[in-house]
Amino acid sequence: MADDFFLDESVYDGVMTDLQNVGHKIGASHKALSDVLLEYDGAWGNDDIGKAFAQKYFGEDGNGARADLVALGGVEDNLVESGDVGKKNARLFASVDNDTAVKIDKTPPKK
């Protein structure tokens, strides 16, 4: 493997940028959905039917849209951070030369 070691840093960097862009899109979608749900919070009324709807679909008990919004809240940051780490790793791996690659994978170089 060592003699074939190669990382196209620009391609890998592009993939990490795409990952970050997806994170930003998820973040924007999350904000838009949160804004709408919070705007209409309680619009289903306080009667038994409205309360049942709120309990089942909007959720105060860890289920429903409210819980989903909380769960999705950190996705943007996590994907952007993963992209940052990936870009740093790409720079590191791209700088690995053949001699170092031989040491990493413990295979003797081909003669």
N, C-alpha and C. Protein backbone atom coordinates (compact mmCIF):
# COMPACT_ATOMS: atom_id res chain seq x y z
N MET A 1 0.81 -1.19 0.00
CA MET A 1 0.00 0.00 0.00
C MET A 1 0.85 1.25 0.00
N ALA A 2 1.97 1.23 0.69
CA ALA A 2 2.76 2.45 0.86
C ALA A 2 3.19 3.06 -0.46
N ASP A 3 3.54 2.22 -1.42
CA ASP A 3 4.02 2.77 -2.68
C ASP A 3 2.89 3.40 -3.50
N ASP A 4 1.66 3.14 -3.12
CA ASP A 4 0.51 3.71 -3.81
C ASP A 4 -0.18 4.80 -2.99
N PHE A 5 0.44 5.23 -1.91
CA PHE A 5 -0.20 6.20 -1.03
C PHE A 5 -0.37 7.54 -1.73
N PHE A 6 -1.62 8.00 -1.79
CA PHE A 6 -1.90 9.29 -2.40
C PHE A 6 -3.23 9.81 -1.89
N LEU A 7 -3.27 11.06 -1.59
CA LEU A 7 -4.52 11.71 -1.21
C LEU A 7 -4.64 12.99 -2.02
N ASP A 8 -5.71 13.08 -2.79
CA ASP A 8 -5.96 14.31 -3.54
C ASP A 8 -6.61 15.29 -2.58
N GLU A 9 -5.78 16.16 -2.04
CA GLU A 9 -6.24 17.07 -0.99
C GLU A 9 -7.39 17.96 -1.46
N SER A 10 -7.34 18.42 -2.69
CA SER A 10 -8.40 19.32 -3.16
C SER A 10 -9.75 18.60 -3.26
N VAL A 11 -9.72 17.35 -3.70
CA VAL A 11 -10.98 16.58 -3.77
C VAL A 11 -11.52 16.32 -2.37
N TYR A 12 -10.64 15.88 -1.48
CA TYR A 12 -11.05 15.60 -0.10
C TYR A 12 -11.55 16.87 0.57
N ASP A 13 -10.86 17.98 0.35
CA ASP A 13 -11.28 19.26 0.90
C ASP A 13 -12.66 19.63 0.38
N GLY A 14 -12.90 19.37 -0.91
CA GLY A 14 -14.22 19.65 -1.49
C GLY A 14 -15.32 18.84 -0.85
N VAL A 15 -15.04 17.59 -0.55
CA VAL A 15 -16.02 16.73 0.12
C VAL A 15 -16.32 17.27 1.52
N MET A 16 -15.29 17.73 2.22
CA MET A 16 -15.50 18.29 3.56
C MET A 16 -16.28 19.61 3.49
N THR A 17 -16.05 20.39 2.46
CA THR A 17 -16.82 21.62 2.26
C THR A 17 -18.28 21.28 1.99
N ASP A 18 -18.52 20.24 1.17
CA ASP A 18 -19.89 19.79 0.92
C ASP A 18 -20.56 19.37 2.23
N LEU A 19 -19.84 18.66 3.07
CA LEU A 19 -20.37 18.23 4.37
C LEU A 19 -20.77 19.45 5.20
N GLN A 20 -19.91 20.46 5.20
CA GLN A 20 -20.22 21.68 5.95
C GLN A 20 -21.43 22.40 5.37
N ASN A 21 -21.53 22.43 4.04
CA ASN A 21 -22.69 23.06 3.41
C ASN A 21 -23.99 22.36 3.76
N VAL A 22 -23.94 21.03 3.81
CA VAL A 22 -25.12 20.27 4.24
C VAL A 22 -25.48 20.64 5.68
N GLY A 23 -24.46 20.77 6.52
CA GLY A 23 -24.70 21.18 7.90
C GLY A 23 -25.40 22.53 7.98
N HIS A 24 -24.93 23.48 7.17
CA HIS A 24 -25.56 24.81 7.17
C HIS A 24 -27.00 24.76 6.66
N LYS A 25 -27.25 23.92 5.65
CA LYS A 25 -28.61 23.78 5.13
C LYS A 25 -29.53 23.16 6.18
N ILE A 26 -29.02 22.16 6.88
CA ILE A 26 -29.81 21.54 7.95
C ILE A 26 -30.08 22.58 9.04
N GLY A 27 -29.08 23.39 9.36
CA GLY A 27 -29.26 24.43 10.37
C GLY A 27 -30.33 25.44 9.96
N ALA A 28 -30.31 25.86 8.69
CA ALA A 28 -31.31 26.81 8.20
C ALA A 28 -32.70 26.18 8.21
N SER A 29 -32.80 24.92 7.81
CA SER A 29 -34.09 24.22 7.84
C SER A 29 -34.59 24.08 9.27
N HIS A 30 -33.68 23.76 10.17
CA HIS A 30 -34.04 23.61 11.58
C HIS A 30 -34.59 24.92 12.12
N LYS A 31 -33.94 26.03 11.80
CA LYS A 31 -34.40 27.33 12.29
C LYS A 31 -35.77 27.67 11.72
N ALA A 32 -35.95 27.44 10.42
CA ALA A 32 -37.24 27.75 9.79
C ALA A 32 -38.36 26.91 10.40
N LEU A 33 -38.12 25.63 10.60
CA LEU A 33 -39.13 24.77 11.20
C LEU A 33 -39.41 25.16 12.64
N SER A 34 -38.36 25.46 13.37
CA SER A 34 -38.54 25.88 14.76
C SER A 34 -39.38 27.15 14.85
N ASP A 35 -39.06 28.11 13.97
CA ASP A 35 -39.79 29.37 13.98
C ASP A 35 -41.28 29.15 13.72
N VAL A 36 -41.60 28.31 12.74
CA VAL A 36 -43.01 28.05 12.41
C VAL A 36 -43.70 27.33 13.55
N LEU A 37 -43.06 26.29 14.08
CA LEU A 37 -43.71 25.54 15.16
C LEU A 37 -43.92 26.40 16.40
N LEU A 38 -42.95 27.23 16.72
CA LEU A 38 -43.11 28.10 17.88
C LEU A 38 -44.15 29.18 17.63
N GLU A 39 -44.26 29.63 16.39
CA GLU A 39 -45.27 30.63 16.04
C GLU A 39 -46.68 30.07 16.25
N TYR A 40 -46.85 28.80 15.93
CA TYR A 40 -48.18 28.19 16.03
C TYR A 40 -48.36 27.36 17.30
N ASP A 41 -47.40 27.42 18.19
CA ASP A 41 -47.52 26.67 19.45
C ASP A 41 -48.81 27.06 20.17
N GLY A 42 -49.62 26.09 20.43
CA GLY A 42 -50.89 26.33 21.12
C GLY A 42 -52.06 26.61 20.20
N ALA A 43 -51.82 26.69 18.90
CA ALA A 43 -52.89 27.01 17.95
C ALA A 43 -53.94 25.91 17.88
N TRP A 44 -53.65 24.77 18.42
CA TRP A 44 -54.58 23.64 18.36
C TRP A 44 -55.59 23.68 19.50
N GLY A 45 -55.47 24.66 20.37
CA GLY A 45 -56.47 24.89 21.41
C GLY A 45 -56.20 24.16 22.72
N ASN A 46 -57.02 24.50 23.70
CA ASN A 46 -56.87 23.93 25.05
C ASN A 46 -57.94 22.91 25.40
N ASP A 47 -58.82 22.60 24.45
CA ASP A 47 -59.83 21.58 24.74
C ASP A 47 -59.16 20.20 24.73
N ASP A 48 -59.91 19.17 25.00
CA ASP A 48 -59.35 17.82 25.07
C ASP A 48 -58.68 17.39 23.76
N ILE A 49 -59.30 17.73 22.65
CA ILE A 49 -58.74 17.35 21.35
C ILE A 49 -57.44 18.10 21.11
N GLY A 50 -57.41 19.40 21.38
CA GLY A 50 -56.20 20.19 21.21
C GLY A 50 -55.08 19.70 22.10
N LYS A 51 -55.42 19.38 23.35
CA LYS A 51 -54.40 18.87 24.27
C LYS A 51 -53.85 17.53 23.81
N ALA A 52 -54.74 16.66 23.32
CA ALA A 52 -54.30 15.36 22.82
C ALA A 52 -53.39 15.53 21.61
N PHE A 53 -53.76 16.47 20.71
CA PHE A 53 -52.93 16.75 19.54
C PHE A 53 -51.54 17.24 19.97
N ALA A 54 -51.52 18.19 20.88
CA ALA A 54 -50.26 18.75 21.36
C ALA A 54 -49.40 17.66 21.99
N GLN A 55 -50.01 16.82 22.79
CA GLN A 55 -49.27 15.75 23.46
C GLN A 55 -48.68 14.76 22.45
N LYS A 56 -49.50 14.40 21.45
CA LYS A 56 -49.06 13.38 20.51
C LYS A 56 -48.08 13.91 19.46
N TYR A 57 -48.33 15.09 18.94
CA TYR A 57 -47.55 15.56 17.80
C TYR A 57 -46.53 16.65 18.12
N PHE A 58 -46.79 17.44 19.14
CA PHE A 58 -45.83 18.48 19.46
C PHE A 58 -44.96 18.05 20.63
N GLY A 59 -45.52 17.37 21.57
CA GLY A 59 -44.79 16.66 22.60
C GLY A 59 -44.13 17.49 23.67
N GLU A 60 -44.49 17.21 24.88
CA GLU A 60 -43.82 17.75 26.06
C GLU A 60 -43.09 16.63 26.79
N ASP A 61 -43.30 15.40 26.33
CA ASP A 61 -42.82 14.23 27.05
C ASP A 61 -41.63 13.54 26.37
N GLY A 62 -40.90 14.28 25.55
CA GLY A 62 -39.75 13.67 24.87
C GLY A 62 -40.10 13.05 23.54
N ASN A 63 -41.34 13.21 23.11
CA ASN A 63 -41.77 12.70 21.82
C ASN A 63 -42.29 13.86 20.98
N GLY A 64 -42.44 13.63 19.70
CA GLY A 64 -43.05 14.63 18.85
C GLY A 64 -42.07 15.66 18.32
N ALA A 65 -42.65 16.70 17.71
CA ALA A 65 -41.87 17.71 17.00
C ALA A 65 -40.91 18.46 17.91
N ARG A 66 -41.33 18.76 19.12
CA ARG A 66 -40.45 19.50 20.03
C ARG A 66 -39.17 18.70 20.31
N ALA A 67 -39.32 17.42 20.59
CA ALA A 67 -38.15 16.56 20.84
C ALA A 67 -37.28 16.44 19.59
N ASP A 68 -37.92 16.34 18.43
CA ASP A 68 -37.16 16.26 17.18
C ASP A 68 -36.34 17.52 16.97
N LEU A 69 -36.94 18.67 17.26
CA LEU A 69 -36.22 19.93 17.10
C LEU A 69 -35.03 20.01 18.03
N VAL A 70 -35.21 19.56 19.25
CA VAL A 70 -34.09 19.57 20.21
C VAL A 70 -32.99 18.64 19.70
N ALA A 71 -33.38 17.46 19.23
CA ALA A 71 -32.39 16.49 18.76
C ALA A 71 -31.62 17.01 17.55
N LEU A 72 -32.29 17.75 16.68
CA LEU A 72 -31.64 18.27 15.48
C LEU A 72 -30.83 19.54 15.75
N GLY A 73 -30.99 20.11 16.91
CA GLY A 73 -30.37 21.39 17.22
C GLY A 73 -28.87 21.44 17.06
N GLY A 74 -28.16 20.35 17.34
CA GLY A 74 -26.71 20.37 17.26
C GLY A 74 -26.13 19.81 15.98
N VAL A 75 -26.98 19.38 15.06
CA VAL A 75 -26.48 18.73 13.85
C VAL A 75 -25.62 19.67 13.02
N GLU A 76 -26.06 20.91 12.85
CA GLU A 76 -25.29 21.85 12.04
C GLU A 76 -23.88 22.00 12.59
N ASP A 77 -23.77 22.29 13.87
CA ASP A 77 -22.44 22.48 14.48
C ASP A 77 -21.59 21.23 14.34
N ASN A 78 -22.20 20.06 14.54
CA ASN A 78 -21.43 18.82 14.45
C ASN A 78 -20.90 18.57 13.05
N LEU A 79 -21.71 18.83 12.02
CA LEU A 79 -21.26 18.61 10.65
C LEU A 79 -20.20 19.62 10.24
N VAL A 80 -20.37 20.87 10.65
CA VAL A 80 -19.38 21.89 10.31
C VAL A 80 -18.05 21.57 11.01
N GLU A 81 -18.13 21.17 12.26
CA GLU A 81 -16.91 20.81 12.99
C GLU A 81 -16.25 19.59 12.37
N SER A 82 -17.05 18.61 11.96
CA SER A 82 -16.49 17.42 11.30
C SER A 82 -15.76 17.82 10.02
N GLY A 83 -16.33 18.76 9.27
CA GLY A 83 -15.67 19.25 8.07
C GLY A 83 -14.35 19.93 8.38
N ASP A 84 -14.32 20.72 9.45
CA ASP A 84 -13.06 21.38 9.86
C ASP A 84 -11.99 20.34 10.19
N VAL A 85 -12.38 19.33 10.95
CA VAL A 85 -11.43 18.28 11.33
C VAL A 85 -10.97 17.52 10.09
N GLY A 86 -11.91 17.23 9.20
CA GLY A 86 -11.56 16.53 7.97
C GLY A 86 -10.57 17.32 7.12
N LYS A 87 -10.76 18.63 7.05
CA LYS A 87 -9.84 19.46 6.27
C LYS A 87 -8.44 19.46 6.89
N LYS A 88 -8.37 19.52 8.20
CA LYS A 88 -7.07 19.46 8.88
C LYS A 88 -6.40 18.11 8.61
N ASN A 89 -7.18 17.05 8.69
CA ASN A 89 -6.64 15.71 8.43
C ASN A 89 -6.16 15.59 6.99
N ALA A 90 -6.89 16.19 6.06
CA ALA A 90 -6.48 16.13 4.65
C ALA A 90 -5.11 16.76 4.47
N ARG A 91 -4.89 17.90 5.11
CA ARG A 91 -3.58 18.54 4.99
C ARG A 91 -2.48 17.66 5.58
N LEU A 92 -2.80 17.01 6.70
CA LEU A 92 -1.81 16.13 7.32
C LEU A 92 -1.52 14.92 6.45
N PHE A 93 -2.57 14.25 5.98
CA PHE A 93 -2.37 13.04 5.17
C PHE A 93 -1.73 13.35 3.83
N ALA A 94 -2.06 14.49 3.25
CA ALA A 94 -1.47 14.85 1.96
C ALA A 94 0.03 15.07 2.09
N SER A 95 0.49 15.43 3.27
CA SER A 95 1.91 15.68 3.47
C SER A 95 2.70 14.41 3.81
N VAL A 96 2.00 13.31 3.97
CA VAL A 96 2.68 12.05 4.28
C VAL A 96 3.41 11.58 3.04
N ASP A 97 4.70 11.40 3.16
CA ASP A 97 5.46 10.92 2.01
C ASP A 97 5.55 9.39 2.04
N ASN A 98 6.15 8.81 1.04
CA ASN A 98 6.21 7.35 0.92
C ASN A 98 6.93 6.71 2.09
N ASP A 99 8.03 7.31 2.54
CA ASP A 99 8.77 6.73 3.66
C ASP A 99 7.91 6.65 4.92
N THR A 100 7.15 7.70 5.15
CA THR A 100 6.26 7.71 6.32
C THR A 100 5.12 6.72 6.13
N ALA A 101 4.60 6.64 4.92
CA ALA A 101 3.53 5.68 4.65
C ALA A 101 4.00 4.25 4.92
N VAL A 102 5.25 3.95 4.56
CA VAL A 102 5.81 2.62 4.84
C VAL A 102 5.80 2.36 6.35
N LYS A 103 6.18 3.37 7.13
CA LYS A 103 6.19 3.21 8.59
C LYS A 103 4.78 3.04 9.14
N ILE A 104 3.82 3.75 8.58
CA ILE A 104 2.43 3.69 9.08
C ILE A 104 1.84 2.31 8.84
N ASP A 105 1.95 1.81 7.62
CA ASP A 105 1.27 0.53 7.34
C ASP A 105 2.17 -0.68 7.50
N LYS A 106 3.44 -0.46 7.90
CA LYS A 106 4.36 -1.54 8.26
C LYS A 106 4.64 -2.50 7.10
N THR A 107 4.51 -2.03 5.88
CA THR A 107 4.85 -2.89 4.76
C THR A 107 6.17 -2.43 4.17
N PRO A 108 6.99 -3.37 3.76
CA PRO A 108 8.27 -2.97 3.17
C PRO A 108 8.03 -2.33 1.80
N PRO A 109 8.84 -1.36 1.45
CA PRO A 109 8.66 -0.75 0.13
C PRO A 109 9.02 -1.73 -0.97
N LYS A 110 8.36 -1.58 -2.10
CA LYS A 110 8.67 -2.44 -3.26
C LYS A 110 9.99 -1.97 -3.86
N LYS A 111 10.75 -2.95 -4.34
CA LYS A 111 12.05 -2.62 -4.95
C LYS A 111 11.97 -2.69 -6.44
